[in-house]
Amino acid sequence: MLEDATLFLQDFGVPVDSGLVQGLGILDMPGEVIMNDMVISTDYTLRCETSKFGSLAYGAPLIVDGGTYSVREVLRVEDGFFCDVSLQRETDPDAELIIDGDW
């Protein structure tokens, strides 16, 4: 059993802030996998300490590595020391939209 999550997260972890709790987590970006001629998409997923972020509610805001996300689901991993938080990336209303190469 891993006693100190910082040992695990310090090399690959990014800052995570729920407003009340701060820590580190490993952010997996969305991707696609082709399996049996089917495209399977993945979401943003954050692996982090259950003791810090395991009780986040659906829709809760979360800052991960400077980006704004909202929580979709929290699932405990194996023994429950870590959890995977499924996230939805929030768009920045002030960001410029580039359409068809209009730079």
PDB file of N, CA and C in Angstrom:
ATOM      1  N   MET A   1       0.840  -1.187   0.000  1.00  0.00           N
ATOM      2  CA  MET A   1       0.000   0.000   0.000  1.00  0.00           C
ATOM      3  C   MET A   1       0.876   1.238   0.000  1.00  0.00           C
ATOM      4  N   LEU A   2       0.529   2.206  -0.809  1.00  0.00           N
ATOM      5  CA  LEU A   2       1.266   3.453  -0.915  1.00  0.00           C
ATOM      6  C   LEU A   2       0.831   4.377   0.206  1.00  0.00           C
ATOM      7  N   GLU A   3       1.772   4.779   1.051  1.00  0.00           N
ATOM      8  CA  GLU A   3       1.441   5.618   2.204  1.00  0.00           C
ATOM      9  C   GLU A   3       1.416   7.101   1.868  1.00  0.00           C
ATOM     10  N   ASP A   4       2.293   7.532   0.961  1.00  0.00           N
ATOM     11  CA  ASP A   4       2.400   8.947   0.648  1.00  0.00           C
ATOM     12  C   ASP A   4       2.185   9.150  -0.844  1.00  0.00           C
ATOM     13  N   ALA A   5       1.043   9.705  -1.203  1.00  0.00           N
ATOM     14  CA  ALA A   5       0.700   9.884  -2.614  1.00  0.00           C
ATOM     15  C   ALA A   5       1.625  10.864  -3.306  1.00  0.00           C
ATOM     16  N   THR A   6       2.243  11.780  -2.555  1.00  0.00           N
ATOM     17  CA  THR A   6       3.129  12.746  -3.196  1.00  0.00           C
ATOM     18  C   THR A   6       4.309  12.058  -3.862  1.00  0.00           C
ATOM     19  N   LEU A   7       4.752  10.928  -3.325  1.00  0.00           N
ATOM     20  CA  LEU A   7       5.841  10.184  -3.960  1.00  0.00           C
ATOM     21  C   LEU A   7       5.434   9.692  -5.337  1.00  0.00           C
ATOM     22  N   PHE A   8       4.192   9.285  -5.469  1.00  0.00           N
ATOM     23  CA  PHE A   8       3.668   8.786  -6.737  1.00  0.00           C
ATOM     24  C   PHE A   8       3.378   9.936  -7.703  1.00  0.00           C
ATOM     25  N   LEU A   9       2.854  11.041  -7.190  1.00  0.00           N
ATOM     26  CA  LEU A   9       2.374  12.129  -8.032  1.00  0.00           C
ATOM     27  C   LEU A   9       3.423  13.190  -8.348  1.00  0.00           C
ATOM     28  N   GLN A  10       4.516  13.261  -7.597  1.00  0.00           N
ATOM     29  CA  GLN A  10       5.447  14.370  -7.745  1.00  0.00           C
ATOM     30  C   GLN A  10       6.124  14.438  -9.115  1.00  0.00           C
ATOM     31  N   ASP A  11       6.347  13.316  -9.767  1.00  0.00           N
ATOM     32  CA  ASP A  11       7.019  13.328 -11.064  1.00  0.00           C
ATOM     33  C   ASP A  11       6.089  13.684 -12.226  1.00  0.00           C
ATOM     34  N   PHE A  12       4.856  13.238 -12.174  1.00  0.00           N
ATOM     35  CA  PHE A  12       3.953  13.409 -13.304  1.00  0.00           C
ATOM     36  C   PHE A  12       2.723  14.247 -12.970  1.00  0.00           C
ATOM     37  N   GLY A  13       2.543  14.598 -11.721  1.00  0.00           N
ATOM     38  CA  GLY A  13       1.344  15.307 -11.302  1.00  0.00           C
ATOM     39  C   GLY A  13       1.336  16.763 -11.721  1.00  0.00           C
ATOM     40  N   VAL A  14       0.123  17.281 -11.895  1.00  0.00           N
ATOM     41  CA  VAL A  14      -0.102  18.693 -12.191  1.00  0.00           C
ATOM     42  C   VAL A  14      -0.947  19.268 -11.055  1.00  0.00           C
ATOM     43  N   PRO A  15      -0.898  20.596 -10.853  1.00  0.00           N
ATOM     44  CA  PRO A  15      -1.678  21.200  -9.771  1.00  0.00           C
ATOM     45  C   PRO A  15      -3.187  21.051  -9.989  1.00  0.00           C
ATOM     46  N   VAL A  16      -3.882  20.731  -8.887  1.00  0.00           N
ATOM     47  CA  VAL A  16      -5.336  20.583  -8.897  1.00  0.00           C
ATOM     48  C   VAL A  16      -5.893  21.424  -7.754  1.00  0.00           C
ATOM     49  N   ASP A  17      -6.945  22.203  -8.047  1.00  0.00           N
ATOM     50  CA  ASP A  17      -7.541  23.082  -7.036  1.00  0.00           C
ATOM     51  C   ASP A  17      -9.057  23.007  -7.145  1.00  0.00           C
ATOM     52  N   SER A  18      -9.691  22.582  -6.054  1.00  0.00           N
ATOM     53  CA  SER A  18     -11.153  22.493  -6.039  1.00  0.00           C
ATOM     54  C   SER A  18     -11.780  23.730  -5.403  1.00  0.00           C
ATOM     55  N   GLY A  19     -10.953  24.681  -4.998  1.00  0.00           N
ATOM     56  CA  GLY A  19     -11.453  25.848  -4.287  1.00  0.00           C
ATOM     57  C   GLY A  19     -11.262  25.702  -2.802  1.00  0.00           C
ATOM     58  N   LEU A  20     -11.476  24.497  -2.283  1.00  0.00           N
ATOM     59  CA  LEU A  20     -11.286  24.210  -0.864  1.00  0.00           C
ATOM     60  C   LEU A  20     -10.045  23.365  -0.619  1.00  0.00           C
ATOM     61  N   VAL A  21      -9.686  22.535  -1.599  1.00  0.00           N
ATOM     62  CA  VAL A  21      -8.575  21.595  -1.437  1.00  0.00           C
ATOM     63  C   VAL A  21      -7.634  21.731  -2.628  1.00  0.00           C
ATOM     64  N   GLN A  22      -6.341  21.687  -2.346  1.00  0.00           N
ATOM     65  CA  GLN A  22      -5.332  21.708  -3.393  1.00  0.00           C
ATOM     66  C   GLN A  22      -4.503  20.433  -3.289  1.00  0.00           C
ATOM     67  N   GLY A  23      -4.003  19.990  -4.429  1.00  0.00           N
ATOM     68  CA  GLY A  23      -3.162  18.798  -4.454  1.00  0.00           C
ATOM     69  C   GLY A  23      -2.589  18.595  -5.834  1.00  0.00           C
ATOM     70  N   LEU A  24      -2.168  17.377  -6.101  1.00  0.00           N
ATOM     71  CA  LEU A  24      -1.625  17.003  -7.403  1.00  0.00           C
ATOM     72  C   LEU A  24      -2.463  15.879  -7.996  1.00  0.00           C
ATOM     73  N   GLY A  25      -2.483  15.819  -9.307  1.00  0.00           N
ATOM     74  CA  GLY A  25      -3.183  14.742  -9.995  1.00  0.00           C
ATOM     75  C   GLY A  25      -2.553  14.505 -11.351  1.00  0.00           C
ATOM     76  N   ILE A  26      -2.842  13.385 -11.946  1.00  0.00           N
ATOM     77  CA  ILE A  26      -2.344  13.056 -13.276  1.00  0.00           C
ATOM     78  C   ILE A  26      -3.504  13.169 -14.251  1.00  0.00           C
ATOM     79  N   LEU A  27      -3.386  14.120 -15.193  1.00  0.00           N
ATOM     80  CA  LEU A  27      -4.456  14.394 -16.141  1.00  0.00           C
ATOM     81  C   LEU A  27      -4.227  13.625 -17.431  1.00  0.00           C
ATOM     82  N   ASP A  28      -5.210  12.820 -17.808  1.00  0.00           N
ATOM     83  CA  ASP A  28      -5.203  12.127 -19.095  1.00  0.00           C
ATOM     84  C   ASP A  28      -6.105  12.903 -20.038  1.00  0.00           C
ATOM     85  N   MET A  29      -5.569  13.228 -21.193  1.00  0.00           N
ATOM     86  CA  MET A  29      -6.318  13.984 -22.195  1.00  0.00           C
ATOM     87  C   MET A  29      -7.164  13.037 -23.039  1.00  0.00           C
ATOM     88  N   PRO A  30      -8.210  13.556 -23.680  1.00  0.00           N
ATOM     89  CA  PRO A  30      -9.055  12.698 -24.512  1.00  0.00           C
ATOM     90  C   PRO A  30      -8.291  12.145 -25.704  1.00  0.00           C
ATOM     91  N   GLY A  31      -8.730  11.015 -26.137  1.00  0.00           N
ATOM     92  CA  GLY A  31      -8.126  10.388 -27.301  1.00  0.00           C
ATOM     93  C   GLY A  31      -9.120   9.461 -27.958  1.00  0.00           C
ATOM     94  N   GLU A  32      -8.682   8.829 -29.020  1.00  0.00           N
ATOM     95  CA  GLU A  32      -9.525   7.874 -29.720  1.00  0.00           C
ATOM     96  C   GLU A  32      -8.753   6.584 -29.939  1.00  0.00           C
ATOM     97  N   VAL A  33      -9.445   5.488 -29.808  1.00  0.00           N
ATOM     98  CA  VAL A  33      -8.876   4.168 -30.040  1.00  0.00           C
ATOM     99  C   VAL A  33      -9.732   3.478 -31.089  1.00  0.00           C
ATOM    100  N   ILE A  34      -9.091   2.894 -32.071  1.00  0.00           N
ATOM    101  CA  ILE A  34      -9.841   2.145 -33.081  1.00  0.00           C
ATOM    102  C   ILE A  34      -9.736   0.666 -32.726  1.00  0.00           C
ATOM    103  N   MET A  35     -10.893   0.053 -32.481  1.00  0.00           N
ATOM    104  CA  MET A  35     -10.945  -1.337 -32.084  1.00  0.00           C
ATOM    105  C   MET A  35     -12.071  -2.020 -32.844  1.00  0.00           C
ATOM    106  N   ASN A  36     -11.755  -3.056 -33.585  1.00  0.00           N
ATOM    107  CA  ASN A  36     -12.763  -3.790 -34.361  1.00  0.00           C
ATOM    108  C   ASN A  36     -13.566  -2.863 -35.261  1.00  0.00           C
ATOM    109  N   ASP A  37     -12.854  -1.974 -35.961  1.00  0.00           N
ATOM    110  CA  ASP A  37     -13.461  -1.017 -36.890  1.00  0.00           C
ATOM    111  C   ASP A  37     -14.420  -0.046 -36.212  1.00  0.00           C
ATOM    112  N   MET A  38     -14.287   0.131 -34.907  1.00  0.00           N
ATOM    113  CA  MET A  38     -15.097   1.102 -34.177  1.00  0.00           C
ATOM    114  C   MET A  38     -14.172   2.119 -33.512  1.00  0.00           C
ATOM    115  N   VAL A  39     -14.587   3.370 -33.501  1.00  0.00           N
ATOM    116  CA  VAL A  39     -13.813   4.419 -32.844  1.00  0.00           C
ATOM    117  C   VAL A  39     -14.371   4.595 -31.437  1.00  0.00           C
ATOM    118  N   ILE A  40     -13.501   4.425 -30.457  1.00  0.00           N
ATOM    119  CA  ILE A  40     -13.892   4.588 -29.064  1.00  0.00           C
ATOM    120  C   ILE A  40     -13.192   5.834 -28.529  1.00  0.00           C
ATOM    121  N   SER A  41     -13.948   6.809 -28.068  1.00  0.00           N
ATOM    122  CA  SER A  41     -13.377   8.052 -27.558  1.00  0.00           C
ATOM    123  C   SER A  41     -13.232   7.979 -26.045  1.00  0.00           C
ATOM    124  N   THR A  42     -12.215   8.660 -25.551  1.00  0.00           N
ATOM    125  CA  THR A  42     -12.017   8.759 -24.105  1.00  0.00           C
ATOM    126  C   THR A  42     -12.199  10.208 -23.678  1.00  0.00           C
ATOM    127  N   ASP A  43     -12.511  10.420 -22.411  1.00  0.00           N
ATOM    128  CA  ASP A  43     -12.717  11.758 -21.860  1.00  0.00           C
ATOM    129  C   ASP A  43     -11.483  12.220 -21.106  1.00  0.00           C
ATOM    130  N   TYR A  44     -11.542  13.461 -20.621  1.00  0.00           N
ATOM    131  CA  TYR A  44     -10.529  13.937 -19.685  1.00  0.00           C
ATOM    132  C   TYR A  44     -10.710  13.151 -18.389  1.00  0.00           C
ATOM    133  N   THR A  45      -9.625  12.603 -17.867  1.00  0.00           N
ATOM    134  CA  THR A  45      -9.679  11.867 -16.607  1.00  0.00           C
ATOM    135  C   THR A  45      -8.530  12.318 -15.720  1.00  0.00           C
ATOM    136  N   LEU A  46      -8.832  12.543 -14.459  1.00  0.00           N
ATOM    137  CA  LEU A  46      -7.844  12.964 -13.486  1.00  0.00           C
ATOM    138  C   LEU A  46      -7.687  11.882 -12.434  1.00  0.00           C
ATOM    139  N   ARG A  47      -6.483  11.343 -12.284  1.00  0.00           N
ATOM    140  CA  ARG A  47      -6.210  10.389 -11.209  1.00  0.00           C
ATOM    141  C   ARG A  47      -5.610  11.181 -10.054  1.00  0.00           C
ATOM    142  N   CYS A  48      -6.249  11.095  -8.888  1.00  0.00           N
ATOM    143  CA  CYS A  48      -5.829  11.886  -7.738  1.00  0.00           C
ATOM    144  C   CYS A  48      -6.174  11.153  -6.443  1.00  0.00           C
ATOM    145  N   GLU A  49      -5.814  11.762  -5.322  1.00  0.00           N
ATOM    146  CA  GLU A  49      -6.055  11.136  -4.021  1.00  0.00           C
ATOM    147  C   GLU A  49      -7.541  11.167  -3.662  1.00  0.00           C
ATOM    148  N   THR A  50      -8.069  10.035  -3.293  1.00  0.00           N
ATOM    149  CA  THR A  50      -9.461   9.957  -2.869  1.00  0.00           C
ATOM    150  C   THR A  50      -9.697  10.787  -1.608  1.00  0.00           C
ATOM    151  N   SER A  51      -8.725  10.814  -0.710  1.00  0.00           N
ATOM    152  CA  SER A  51      -8.884  11.561   0.543  1.00  0.00           C
ATOM    153  C   SER A  51      -9.053  13.055   0.306  1.00  0.00           C
ATOM    154  N   LYS A  52      -8.541  13.565  -0.811  1.00  0.00           N
ATOM    155  CA  LYS A  52      -8.661  14.996  -1.116  1.00  0.00           C
ATOM    156  C   LYS A  52      -9.810  15.303  -2.068  1.00  0.00           C
ATOM    157  N   PHE A  53      -9.978  14.475  -3.098  1.00  0.00           N
ATOM    158  CA  PHE A  53     -10.914  14.818  -4.164  1.00  0.00           C
ATOM    159  C   PHE A  53     -12.006  13.771  -4.404  1.00  0.00           C
ATOM    160  N   GLY A  54     -12.084  12.754  -3.576  1.00  0.00           N
ATOM    161  CA  GLY A  54     -13.034  11.672  -3.785  1.00  0.00           C
ATOM    162  C   GLY A  54     -14.489  12.012  -3.541  1.00  0.00           C
ATOM    163  N   SER A  55     -14.756  13.137  -2.882  1.00  0.00           N
ATOM    164  CA  SER A  55     -16.147  13.494  -2.595  1.00  0.00           C
ATOM    165  C   SER A  55     -16.665  14.632  -3.463  1.00  0.00           C
ATOM    166  N   LEU A  56     -15.976  14.914  -4.556  1.00  0.00           N
ATOM    167  CA  LEU A  56     -16.447  15.961  -5.457  1.00  0.00           C
ATOM    168  C   LEU A  56     -17.790  15.567  -6.060  1.00  0.00           C
ATOM    169  N   ALA A  57     -18.685  16.524  -6.158  1.00  0.00           N
ATOM    170  CA  ALA A  57     -20.022  16.278  -6.683  1.00  0.00           C
ATOM    171  C   ALA A  57     -20.083  16.578  -8.178  1.00  0.00           C
ATOM    172  N   TYR A  58     -21.061  15.974  -8.839  1.00  0.00           N
ATOM    173  CA  TYR A  58     -21.299  16.219 -10.260  1.00  0.00           C
ATOM    174  C   TYR A  58     -21.433  17.726 -10.500  1.00  0.00           C
ATOM    175  N   GLY A  59     -20.702  18.236 -11.492  1.00  0.00           N
ATOM    176  CA  GLY A  59     -20.795  19.649 -11.849  1.00  0.00           C
ATOM    177  C   GLY A  59     -19.867  20.565 -11.071  1.00  0.00           C
ATOM    178  N   ALA A  60     -19.187  20.029 -10.058  1.00  0.00           N
ATOM    179  CA  ALA A  60     -18.282  20.862  -9.256  1.00  0.00           C
ATOM    180  C   ALA A  60     -17.157  21.400 -10.134  1.00  0.00           C
ATOM    181  N   PRO A  61     -16.797  22.684  -9.970  1.00  0.00           N
ATOM    182  CA  PRO A  61     -15.696  23.244 -10.748  1.00  0.00           C
ATOM    183  C   PRO A  61     -14.353  22.768 -10.211  1.00  0.00           C
ATOM    184  N   LEU A  62     -13.379  22.638 -11.111  1.00  0.00           N
ATOM    185  CA  LEU A  62     -12.065  22.151 -10.741  1.00  0.00           C
ATOM    186  C   LEU A  62     -11.044  22.812 -11.669  1.00  0.00           C
ATOM    187  N   ILE A  63      -9.980  23.343 -11.099  1.00  0.00           N
ATOM    188  CA  ILE A  63      -8.881  23.907 -11.887  1.00  0.00           C
ATOM    189  C   ILE A  63      -7.777  22.851 -11.924  1.00  0.00           C
ATOM    190  N   VAL A  64      -7.425  22.411 -13.124  1.00  0.00           N
ATOM    191  CA  VAL A  64      -6.394  21.391 -13.299  1.00  0.00           C
ATOM    192  C   VAL A  64      -5.341  21.949 -14.247  1.00  0.00           C
ATOM    193  N   ASP A  65      -4.140  22.126 -13.739  1.00  0.00           N
ATOM    194  CA  ASP A  65      -3.023  22.630 -14.529  1.00  0.00           C
ATOM    195  C   ASP A  65      -3.392  23.924 -15.253  1.00  0.00           C
ATOM    196  N   GLY A  66      -4.152  24.784 -14.583  1.00  0.00           N
ATOM    197  CA  GLY A  66      -4.533  26.083 -15.135  1.00  0.00           C
ATOM    198  C   GLY A  66      -5.793  26.082 -15.975  1.00  0.00           C
ATOM    199  N   GLY A  67      -6.327  24.902 -16.321  1.00  0.00           N
ATOM    200  CA  GLY A  67      -7.548  24.814 -17.119  1.00  0.00           C
ATOM    201  C   GLY A  67      -8.765  24.592 -16.237  1.00  0.00           C
ATOM    202  N   THR A  68      -9.924  25.067 -16.693  1.00  0.00           N
ATOM    203  CA  THR A  68     -11.160  24.938 -15.925  1.00  0.00           C
ATOM    204  C   THR A  68     -11.966  23.749 -16.436  1.00  0.00           C
ATOM    205  N   TYR A  69     -12.384  22.905 -15.491  1.00  0.00           N
ATOM    206  CA  TYR A  69     -13.141  21.695 -15.793  1.00  0.00           C
ATOM    207  C   TYR A  69     -14.332  21.605 -14.855  1.00  0.00           C
ATOM    208  N   SER A  70     -15.297  20.756 -15.208  1.00  0.00           N
ATOM    209  CA  SER A  70     -16.366  20.416 -14.279  1.00  0.00           C
ATOM    210  C   SER A  70     -16.381  18.891 -14.123  1.00  0.00           C
ATOM    211  N   VAL A  71     -16.750  18.457 -12.940  1.00  0.00           N
ATOM    212  CA  VAL A  71     -16.739  17.035 -12.602  1.00  0.00           C
ATOM    213  C   VAL A  71     -17.943  16.344 -13.221  1.00  0.00           C
ATOM    214  N   ARG A  72     -17.693  15.205 -13.839  1.00  0.00           N
ATOM    215  CA  ARG A  72     -18.774  14.383 -14.384  1.00  0.00           C
ATOM    216  C   ARG A  72     -19.051  13.181 -13.486  1.00  0.00           C
ATOM    217  N   GLU A  73     -17.969  12.547 -12.996  1.00  0.00           N
ATOM    218  CA  GLU A  73     -18.127  11.334 -12.189  1.00  0.00           C
ATOM    219  C   GLU A  73     -16.822  11.077 -11.438  1.00  0.00           C
ATOM    220  N   VAL A  74     -16.941  10.498 -10.247  1.00  0.00           N
ATOM    221  CA  VAL A  74     -15.770  10.112  -9.458  1.00  0.00           C
ATOM    222  C   VAL A  74     -15.852   8.612  -9.180  1.00  0.00           C
ATOM    223  N   LEU A  75     -14.797   7.886  -9.548  1.00  0.00           N
ATOM    224  CA  LEU A  75     -14.752   6.439  -9.335  1.00  0.00           C
ATOM    225  C   LEU A  75     -13.487   6.078  -8.566  1.00  0.00           C
ATOM    226  N   ARG A  76     -13.650   5.293  -7.509  1.00  0.00           N
ATOM    227  CA  ARG A  76     -12.485   4.830  -6.749  1.00  0.00           C
ATOM    228  C   ARG A  76     -11.722   3.791  -7.564  1.00  0.00           C
ATOM    229  N   VAL A  77     -10.399   3.816  -7.415  1.00  0.00           N
ATOM    230  CA  VAL A  77      -9.528   2.884  -8.137  1.00  0.00           C
ATOM    231  C   VAL A  77      -9.018   1.839  -7.152  1.00  0.00           C
ATOM    232  N   GLU A  78      -9.200   0.579  -7.480  1.00  0.00           N
ATOM    233  CA  GLU A  78      -8.721  -0.572  -6.713  1.00  0.00           C
ATOM    234  C   GLU A  78      -8.988  -0.442  -5.212  1.00  0.00           C
ATOM    235  N   ASP A  79      -7.938  -0.175  -4.398  1.00  0.00           N
ATOM    236  CA  ASP A  79      -8.110  -0.153  -2.942  1.00  0.00           C
ATOM    237  C   ASP A  79      -8.710   1.152  -2.424  1.00  0.00           C
ATOM    238  N   GLY A  80      -8.968   2.114  -3.310  1.00  0.00           N
ATOM    239  CA  GLY A  80      -9.603   3.362  -2.909  1.00  0.00           C
ATOM    240  C   GLY A  80      -8.652   4.467  -2.509  1.00  0.00           C
ATOM    241  N   PHE A  81      -7.348   4.219  -2.551  1.00  0.00           N
ATOM    242  CA  PHE A  81      -6.382   5.262  -2.206  1.00  0.00           C
ATOM    243  C   PHE A  81      -6.435   6.377  -3.245  1.00  0.00           C
ATOM    244  N   PHE A  82      -6.592   5.987  -4.523  1.00  0.00           N
ATOM    245  CA  PHE A  82      -6.735   6.950  -5.616  1.00  0.00           C
ATOM    246  C   PHE A  82      -8.138   6.843  -6.204  1.00  0.00           C
ATOM    247  N   CYS A  83      -8.538   7.915  -6.887  1.00  0.00           N
ATOM    248  CA  CYS A  83      -9.797   7.897  -7.620  1.00  0.00           C
ATOM    249  C   CYS A  83      -9.557   8.484  -9.005  1.00  0.00           C
ATOM    250  N   ASP A  84     -10.414   8.122  -9.940  1.00  0.00           N
ATOM    251  CA  ASP A  84     -10.415   8.706 -11.274  1.00  0.00           C
ATOM    252  C   ASP A  84     -11.611   9.627 -11.366  1.00  0.00           C
ATOM    253  N   VAL A  85     -11.337  10.882 -11.688  1.00  0.00           N
ATOM    254  CA  VAL A  85     -12.393  11.881 -11.818  1.00  0.00           C
ATOM    255  C   VAL A  85     -12.588  12.153 -13.305  1.00  0.00           C
ATOM    256  N   SER A  86     -13.758  11.826 -13.817  1.00  0.00           N
ATOM    257  CA  SER A  86     -14.100  12.108 -15.204  1.00  0.00           C
ATOM    258  C   SER A  86     -14.465  13.590 -15.289  1.00  0.00           C
ATOM    259  N   LEU A  87     -13.848  14.293 -16.252  1.00  0.00           N
ATOM    260  CA  LEU A  87     -13.995  15.747 -16.329  1.00  0.00           C
ATOM    261  C   LEU A  87     -14.538  16.195 -17.678  1.00  0.00           C
ATOM    262  N   GLN A  88     -15.164  17.356 -17.662  1.00  0.00           N
ATOM    263  CA  GLN A  88     -15.579  18.031 -18.891  1.00  0.00           C
ATOM    264  C   GLN A  88     -14.844  19.361 -18.931  1.00  0.00           C
ATOM    265  N   ARG A  89     -14.161  19.646 -20.031  1.00  0.00           N
ATOM    266  CA  ARG A  89     -13.425  20.899 -20.175  1.00  0.00           C
ATOM    267  C   ARG A  89     -14.418  22.026 -20.394  1.00  0.00           C
ATOM    268  N   GLU A  90     -14.259  23.094 -19.646  1.00  0.00           N
ATOM    269  CA  GLU A  90     -15.120  24.265 -19.800  1.00  0.00           C
ATOM    270  C   GLU A  90     -14.461  25.225 -20.778  1.00  0.00           C
ATOM    271  N   THR A  91     -15.253  25.822 -21.647  1.00  0.00           N
ATOM    272  CA  THR A  91     -14.701  26.753 -22.623  1.00  0.00           C
ATOM    273  C   THR A  91     -14.548  28.121 -21.994  1.00  0.00           C
ATOM    274  N   ASP A  92     -13.565  28.847 -22.481  1.00  0.00           N
ATOM    275  CA  ASP A  92     -13.311  30.207 -22.020  1.00  0.00           C
ATOM    276  C   ASP A  92     -14.126  31.158 -22.881  1.00  0.00           C
ATOM    277  N   PRO A  93     -15.104  31.874 -22.311  1.00  0.00           N
ATOM    278  CA  PRO A  93     -15.951  32.756 -23.123  1.00  0.00           C
ATOM    279  C   PRO A  93     -15.165  33.900 -23.744  1.00  0.00           C
ATOM    280  N   ASP A  94     -13.978  34.207 -23.219  1.00  0.00           N
ATOM    281  CA  ASP A  94     -13.166  35.291 -23.752  1.00  0.00           C
ATOM    282  C   ASP A  94     -12.175  34.820 -24.808  1.00  0.00           C
ATOM    283  N   ALA A  95     -12.108  33.507 -25.043  1.00  0.00           N
ATOM    284  CA  ALA A  95     -11.161  32.964 -26.025  1.00  0.00           C
ATOM    285  C   ALA A  95     -11.618  33.306 -27.438  1.00  0.00           C
ATOM    286  N   GLU A  96     -10.645  33.570 -28.311  1.00  0.00           N
ATOM    287  CA  GLU A  96     -10.963  33.866 -29.702  1.00  0.00           C
ATOM    288  C   GLU A  96     -11.231  32.571 -30.448  1.00  0.00           C
ATOM    289  N   LEU A  97     -12.224  32.579 -31.309  1.00  0.00           N
ATOM    290  CA  LEU A  97     -12.570  31.418 -32.114  1.00  0.00           C
ATOM    291  C   LEU A  97     -11.976  31.590 -33.500  1.00  0.00           C
ATOM    292  N   ILE A  98     -11.184  30.608 -33.938  1.00  0.00           N
ATOM    293  CA  ILE A  98     -10.591  30.639 -35.270  1.00  0.00           C
ATOM    294  C   ILE A  98     -11.390  29.696 -36.150  1.00  0.00           C
ATOM    295  N   ILE A  99     -11.936  30.243 -37.229  1.00  0.00           N
ATOM    296  CA  ILE A  99     -12.782  29.443 -38.121  1.00  0.00           C
ATOM    297  C   ILE A  99     -12.113  29.333 -39.482  1.00  0.00           C
ATOM    298  N   ASP A 100     -11.931  28.106 -39.950  1.00  0.00           N
ATOM    299  CA  ASP A 100     -11.393  27.839 -41.291  1.00  0.00           C
ATOM    300  C   ASP A 100     -10.133  28.620 -41.614  1.00  0.00           C
ATOM    301  N   GLY A 101      -9.183  28.636 -40.697  1.00  0.00           N
ATOM    302  CA  GLY A 101      -7.892  29.258 -40.964  1.00  0.00           C
ATOM    303  C   GLY A 101      -7.911  30.778 -40.973  1.00  0.00           C
ATOM    304  N   ASP A 102      -8.970  31.391 -40.473  1.00  0.00           N
ATOM    305  CA  ASP A 102      -9.054  32.858 -40.400  1.00  0.00           C
ATOM    306  C   ASP A 102      -8.203  33.318 -39.229  1.00  0.00           C
ATOM    307  N   TRP A 103      -6.931  33.566 -39.487  1.00  0.00           N
ATOM    308  CA  TRP A 103      -5.984  33.905 -38.431  1.00  0.00           C
ATOM    309  C   TRP A 103      -6.017  35.379 -38.219  1.00  0.00           C
TER     310      TRP A 103
END
